[in-house]
Amino acid sequence: MAEKGIDEDTAFREILVRLTEKYPDVPPERISAIVDEVRGEMTSAKVRDFVPVLAEREAKKRVKAERPTRSEG
């Protein structure tokens, strides 16, 4: 019996939810745009199984880079 492939749409919606919850100081619209950008960059990947994992890693890196700097004190 063949295993069903991953549902990328669901995976990307879950990535968006996780990043939005983890980084509330970044506007959700910006996080969505970053996730969309990363997904678009991976459209030509031949092996699709790891696309969501790799996309989440890259999106997380970009979101973290956009977080407002906080002064400690």
Protein backbone atom coordinates (compact mmCIF):
# COMPACT_ATOMS: atom_id res chain seq x y z
CA MET A 1 0.00 0.00 0.00
CA ALA A 2 1.44 3.37 -1.02
CA GLU A 3 1.64 6.13 1.53
CA LYS A 4 -0.18 9.33 0.77
CA GLY A 5 2.13 12.28 0.16
CA ILE A 6 2.17 15.29 2.39
CA ASP A 7 -0.45 17.97 1.95
CA GLU A 8 1.71 21.04 1.41
CA ASP A 9 -1.17 23.50 1.75
CA THR A 10 -1.96 22.17 5.22
CA ALA A 11 1.72 22.11 6.16
CA PHE A 12 2.17 25.74 5.14
CA ARG A 13 -0.95 26.84 7.03
CA GLU A 14 0.50 25.13 10.13
CA ILE A 15 3.85 26.86 9.61
CA LEU A 16 2.06 30.20 9.45
CA VAL A 17 0.19 29.48 12.69
CA ARG A 18 3.35 28.36 14.51
CA LEU A 19 5.40 31.37 13.44
CA THR A 20 2.58 33.82 14.20
CA GLU A 21 2.25 32.37 17.71
CA LYS A 22 6.00 32.26 18.30
CA TYR A 23 6.67 35.81 17.06
CA PRO A 24 3.72 38.00 18.14
CA ASP A 25 5.90 41.11 17.78
CA VAL A 26 6.06 40.63 13.98
CA PRO A 27 2.87 41.58 12.13
CA PRO A 28 0.98 38.47 10.93
CA GLU A 29 0.75 39.95 7.42
CA ARG A 30 4.55 40.14 7.27
CA ILE A 31 4.93 36.56 8.49
CA SER A 32 2.44 35.44 5.85
CA ALA A 33 4.39 37.30 3.17
CA ILE A 34 7.65 35.70 4.28
CA VAL A 35 6.12 32.21 4.26
CA ASP A 36 4.71 32.87 0.78
CA GLU A 37 8.11 34.13 -0.45
CA VAL A 38 9.90 31.07 0.86
CA ARG A 39 7.29 28.73 -0.57
CA GLY A 40 7.61 30.42 -3.95
CA GLU A 41 11.38 29.96 -3.89
CA MET A 42 10.89 26.23 -3.41
CA THR A 43 8.41 25.59 -6.22
CA SER A 44 11.04 23.96 -8.43
CA ALA A 45 12.17 21.43 -5.80
CA LYS A 46 11.90 17.97 -7.32
CA VAL A 47 11.65 16.11 -4.00
CA ARG A 48 8.67 17.60 -2.18
CA ASP A 49 8.75 15.61 1.07
CA PHE A 50 11.07 17.99 2.89
CA VAL A 51 9.87 21.28 1.42
CA PRO A 52 7.71 22.23 4.45
CA VAL A 53 10.54 21.49 6.90
CA LEU A 54 13.10 23.44 4.90
CA ALA A 55 10.65 26.27 4.24
CA GLU A 56 9.78 26.60 7.92
CA ARG A 57 13.45 26.75 8.85
CA GLU A 58 14.13 29.50 6.28
CA ALA A 59 10.96 31.45 7.12
CA LYS A 60 11.77 31.32 10.83
CA LYS A 61 15.24 32.71 10.12
CA ARG A 62 13.76 35.59 8.11
CA VAL A 63 11.05 36.36 10.67
CA LYS A 64 13.62 36.44 13.48
CA ALA A 65 15.70 38.90 11.46
CA GLU A 66 12.70 41.25 11.25
CA ARG A 67 11.87 41.27 14.93
CA PRO A 68 12.07 44.68 16.56
CA THR A 69 15.20 45.11 18.65
CA ARG A 70 14.53 45.42 22.32
CA SER A 71 16.76 47.34 24.65
CA GLU A 72 17.52 45.50 27.84
CA GLY A 73 17.49 47.36 31.03
